[in-house]
């Protein structure tokens, strides 16, 4: 059973807020599973935000076709992390529907998650109001499905094929201490989630959207 959701932008707006995520990743090459957790902050971004306009132009798309987007910040850890290794970062993305109902189209990112270069993926909502994201990177591809059993619980399955083949399941629970979903009222902790390492190194992460 899932929450009824009309279109993709409504799905992303329901995702706004602060979430605690528990992840299990199966590394197919090593035939081993790895656990981990993260804190994810999702903030609504309006269609006319200069960041979304710049992303649309970067990907050669019409900014006027944007319906909105999100800023995502994440910070987490995995069981196999080495000493001092961190998974944190942030990304901004915008949605451009390609159908009349807003249930499928392009998802344009300023940076990817499997690779850090700007990337364009595709979204599509299925008959159960789950959201499918497909992204083709230079060296790998990913397929993700998100769905809401209830407004405060989001589930996610993902597979990555290429140089690293993994299958993951995430359970994400909304943190109800936010003043409002998607707001910056969480203050210091939200800011720390999006902290930059400061060493100039871009780390690949499995925690972002």
Protein backbone atom coordinates (compact mmCIF):
# COMPACT_ATOMS: atom_id res chain seq x y z
CA UNK A 1 0.00 0.00 0.00
CA UNK A 2 1.30 3.46 -0.90
CA UNK A 3 0.19 7.07 -0.40
CA UNK A 4 -1.78 8.36 -3.45
CA UNK A 5 0.34 10.99 -5.22
CA UNK A 6 -0.85 12.91 -8.29
CA UNK A 7 2.43 13.77 -9.99
CA UNK A 8 6.21 13.74 -9.61
CA UNK A 9 6.59 17.25 -8.20
CA UNK A 10 4.05 16.34 -5.47
CA UNK A 11 6.15 13.26 -4.71
CA UNK A 12 9.27 15.38 -4.27
CA UNK A 13 7.44 17.94 -2.12
CA UNK A 14 6.20 15.14 0.14
CA UNK A 15 9.87 14.14 0.44
CA UNK A 16 10.85 17.55 1.83
CA UNK A 17 12.02 17.58 5.41
CA UNK A 18 14.67 15.79 7.43
CA UNK A 19 15.03 12.00 7.28
CA UNK A 20 16.98 9.30 9.05
CA UNK A 21 17.92 6.57 6.60
CA UNK A 22 18.97 2.98 7.28
CA UNK A 23 20.60 1.23 4.31
CA UNK A 24 21.62 -2.31 3.47
CA UNK A 25 23.78 -2.68 0.36
CA UNK A 26 24.60 -5.99 -1.27
CA UNK A 27 27.93 -5.96 -3.12
CA UNK A 28 27.43 -8.58 -5.79
CA UNK A 29 31.12 -8.99 -6.64
CA UNK A 30 32.08 -9.63 -3.00
CA UNK A 31 28.86 -11.51 -2.20
CA UNK A 32 28.60 -9.57 1.04
CA UNK A 33 26.13 -7.15 2.58
CA UNK A 34 27.04 -3.84 4.20
CA UNK A 35 24.90 -1.74 6.52
CA UNK A 36 24.89 2.00 7.04
CA UNK A 37 22.89 5.03 8.06
CA UNK A 38 22.57 8.68 7.15
CA UNK A 39 20.75 11.94 7.81
CA UNK A 40 19.15 13.47 4.71
CA UNK A 41 17.72 16.99 4.40
CA UNK A 42 15.41 17.77 1.44
CA UNK A 43 14.35 21.38 0.76
CA UNK A 44 11.84 22.54 -1.85
CA UNK A 45 13.25 24.77 -4.62
CA UNK A 46 10.92 26.89 -6.79
CA UNK A 47 10.91 26.62 -10.57
CA UNK A 48 12.25 30.17 -11.01
CA UNK A 49 15.16 29.69 -8.60
CA UNK A 50 18.40 30.83 -10.35
CA UNK A 51 20.05 27.52 -9.47
CA UNK A 52 17.41 25.53 -11.37
CA UNK A 53 17.52 27.93 -14.30
CA UNK A 54 21.30 27.48 -14.51
CA UNK A 55 20.97 23.67 -14.33
CA UNK A 56 18.39 23.62 -17.13
CA UNK A 57 20.63 25.77 -19.32
CA UNK A 58 23.62 23.56 -18.48
CA UNK A 59 21.72 20.55 -19.84
CA UNK A 60 20.42 22.43 -22.90
CA UNK A 61 16.81 22.48 -21.67
CA UNK A 62 14.23 25.29 -21.59
CA UNK A 63 14.09 26.76 -18.04
CA UNK A 64 10.46 27.66 -18.69
CA UNK A 65 9.59 23.95 -18.67
CA UNK A 66 10.74 23.50 -15.07
CA UNK A 67 8.04 22.76 -12.48
CA UNK A 68 10.35 22.92 -9.44
CA UNK A 69 12.97 20.83 -7.73
CA UNK A 70 14.83 20.17 -4.50
CA UNK A 71 18.09 20.72 -2.70
CA UNK A 72 19.36 17.57 -0.98
CA UNK A 73 22.05 17.40 1.69
CA UNK A 74 23.32 14.19 3.23
CA UNK A 75 25.77 12.89 5.82
CA UNK A 76 26.27 9.26 6.76
CA UNK A 77 28.52 6.26 7.27
CA UNK A 78 28.83 2.64 6.13
CA UNK A 79 30.20 -0.43 7.90
CA UNK A 80 33.19 -0.76 5.57
CA UNK A 81 34.33 2.86 5.91
CA UNK A 82 38.01 3.40 6.62
CA UNK A 83 39.16 5.64 9.47
CA UNK A 84 38.28 9.26 8.67
CA UNK A 85 36.19 8.36 5.62
CA UNK A 86 33.01 10.41 5.30
CA UNK A 87 29.93 10.37 3.09
CA UNK A 88 28.53 13.87 2.87
CA UNK A 89 27.58 16.40 0.26
CA UNK A 90 24.70 18.19 -1.40
CA UNK A 91 23.00 18.44 -4.76
CA UNK A 92 20.31 20.52 -6.46
CA UNK A 93 18.01 19.12 -9.13
CA UNK A 94 15.07 20.24 -11.22
CA UNK A 95 12.15 18.44 -12.86
CA UNK A 96 10.93 18.91 -16.43
CA UNK A 97 7.80 16.82 -17.19
CA UNK A 98 7.39 15.38 -20.66
CA UNK A 99 3.75 14.31 -20.33
CA UNK A 100 0.53 16.20 -19.64
CA UNK A 101 0.08 14.72 -16.16
CA UNK A 102 3.57 15.47 -14.83
CA UNK A 103 4.26 11.81 -14.06
CA UNK A 104 7.30 11.33 -16.29
CA UNK A 105 10.11 13.43 -17.65
CA UNK A 106 13.66 14.63 -17.03
CA UNK A 107 15.44 15.05 -13.71
CA UNK A 108 18.39 17.43 -14.13
CA UNK A 109 21.14 17.43 -11.47
CA UNK A 110 24.05 19.75 -10.86
CA UNK A 111 26.02 16.65 -9.78
CA UNK A 112 25.37 12.94 -9.73
CA UNK A 113 25.68 10.48 -6.89
CA UNK A 114 27.41 7.51 -8.51
CA UNK A 115 29.65 10.06 -10.30
CA UNK A 116 30.03 13.72 -9.37
CA UNK A 117 29.65 15.31 -12.84
CA UNK A 118 26.33 17.02 -13.79
CA UNK A 119 23.89 14.40 -15.04
CA UNK A 120 20.39 14.12 -16.51
CA UNK A 121 18.17 11.19 -15.59
CA UNK A 122 14.57 10.23 -16.23
CA UNK A 123 11.69 9.90 -13.78
CA UNK A 124 8.46 7.98 -14.16
CA UNK A 125 5.66 7.24 -11.71
CA UNK A 126 4.20 3.75 -11.85
CA UNK A 127 0.62 2.55 -11.38
CA UNK A 128 1.16 2.27 -7.59
CA UNK A 129 2.39 5.90 -7.35
CA UNK A 130 5.97 4.85 -6.79
CA UNK A 131 8.69 6.96 -8.38
CA UNK A 132 11.26 5.35 -10.69
CA UNK A 133 14.54 7.14 -11.42
CA UNK A 134 16.92 5.92 -14.11
CA UNK A 135 20.33 7.52 -14.59
CA UNK A 136 23.05 6.65 -17.09
CA UNK A 137 26.55 7.75 -16.08
CA UNK A 138 29.73 7.50 -18.13
CA UNK A 139 30.86 4.27 -16.45
CA UNK A 140 27.68 2.93 -14.81
CA UNK A 141 23.91 3.16 -14.64
CA UNK A 142 21.44 3.20 -11.77
CA UNK A 143 17.77 2.35 -11.29
CA UNK A 144 15.91 3.46 -8.16
CA UNK A 145 12.33 3.09 -6.95
CA UNK A 146 10.90 5.21 -4.11
CA UNK A 147 7.51 4.85 -2.44
CA UNK A 148 5.61 6.06 0.63
CA UNK A 149 3.76 3.46 2.75
CA UNK A 150 2.73 6.53 4.79
CA UNK A 151 3.77 10.23 4.74
CA UNK A 152 6.46 9.70 7.39
CA UNK A 153 8.05 6.58 5.92
CA UNK A 154 9.80 6.43 2.55
CA UNK A 155 11.25 3.20 1.15
CA UNK A 156 13.82 2.89 -1.62
CA UNK A 157 15.38 0.12 -3.67
CA UNK A 158 18.30 0.76 -5.98
CA UNK A 159 20.66 -1.10 -8.27
CA UNK A 160 23.93 0.16 -9.74
CA UNK A 161 25.51 -1.64 -12.68
CA UNK A 162 28.94 -0.95 -14.13
CA UNK A 163 32.32 -0.81 -12.44
CA UNK A 164 30.58 -1.55 -9.14
CA UNK A 165 27.47 -3.74 -9.05
CA UNK A 166 25.31 -3.23 -5.97
CA UNK A 167 21.70 -3.69 -4.89
CA UNK A 168 20.42 -1.66 -1.94
CA UNK A 169 17.35 -1.23 0.24
CA UNK A 170 16.73 1.91 2.33
CA UNK A 171 14.16 2.69 4.99
CA UNK A 172 13.85 6.43 5.59
CA UNK A 173 11.91 7.83 8.56
CA UNK A 174 10.87 11.46 8.82
CA UNK A 175 12.32 13.45 11.73
CA UNK A 176 9.32 15.20 13.24
CA UNK A 177 11.33 17.83 15.12
CA UNK A 178 11.38 20.03 12.00
CA UNK A 179 9.17 23.12 12.29
CA UNK A 180 7.92 22.49 8.77
CA UNK A 181 8.68 19.94 6.04
CA UNK A 182 11.45 21.19 3.84
CA UNK A 183 12.18 24.27 5.91
CA UNK A 184 15.61 25.44 7.06
CA UNK A 185 14.28 25.76 10.61
CA UNK A 186 16.31 22.75 11.70
CA UNK A 187 19.18 25.25 11.90
CA UNK A 188 22.61 24.05 12.93
CA UNK A 189 22.10 20.34 12.32
CA UNK A 190 20.76 20.93 8.83
CA UNK A 191 23.73 23.10 8.06
CA UNK A 192 26.13 20.44 9.31
CA UNK A 193 24.54 17.87 7.03
CA UNK A 194 25.58 19.91 4.03
CA UNK A 195 29.07 20.68 5.30
CA UNK A 196 31.90 20.63 2.80
CA UNK A 197 35.03 18.70 3.69
CA UNK A 198 37.23 21.63 2.68
CA UNK A 199 40.00 19.45 1.27
CA UNK A 200 38.90 19.94 -2.33
CA UNK A 201 38.14 16.23 -2.82
CA UNK A 202 34.78 15.14 -4.21
CA UNK A 203 33.80 11.84 -2.60
CA UNK A 204 31.42 9.47 -4.31
CA UNK A 205 28.41 8.79 -2.13
CA UNK A 206 25.47 6.43 -2.08
CA UNK A 207 23.51 8.58 0.35
CA UNK A 208 22.18 11.37 -1.82
CA UNK A 209 19.01 11.23 -3.85
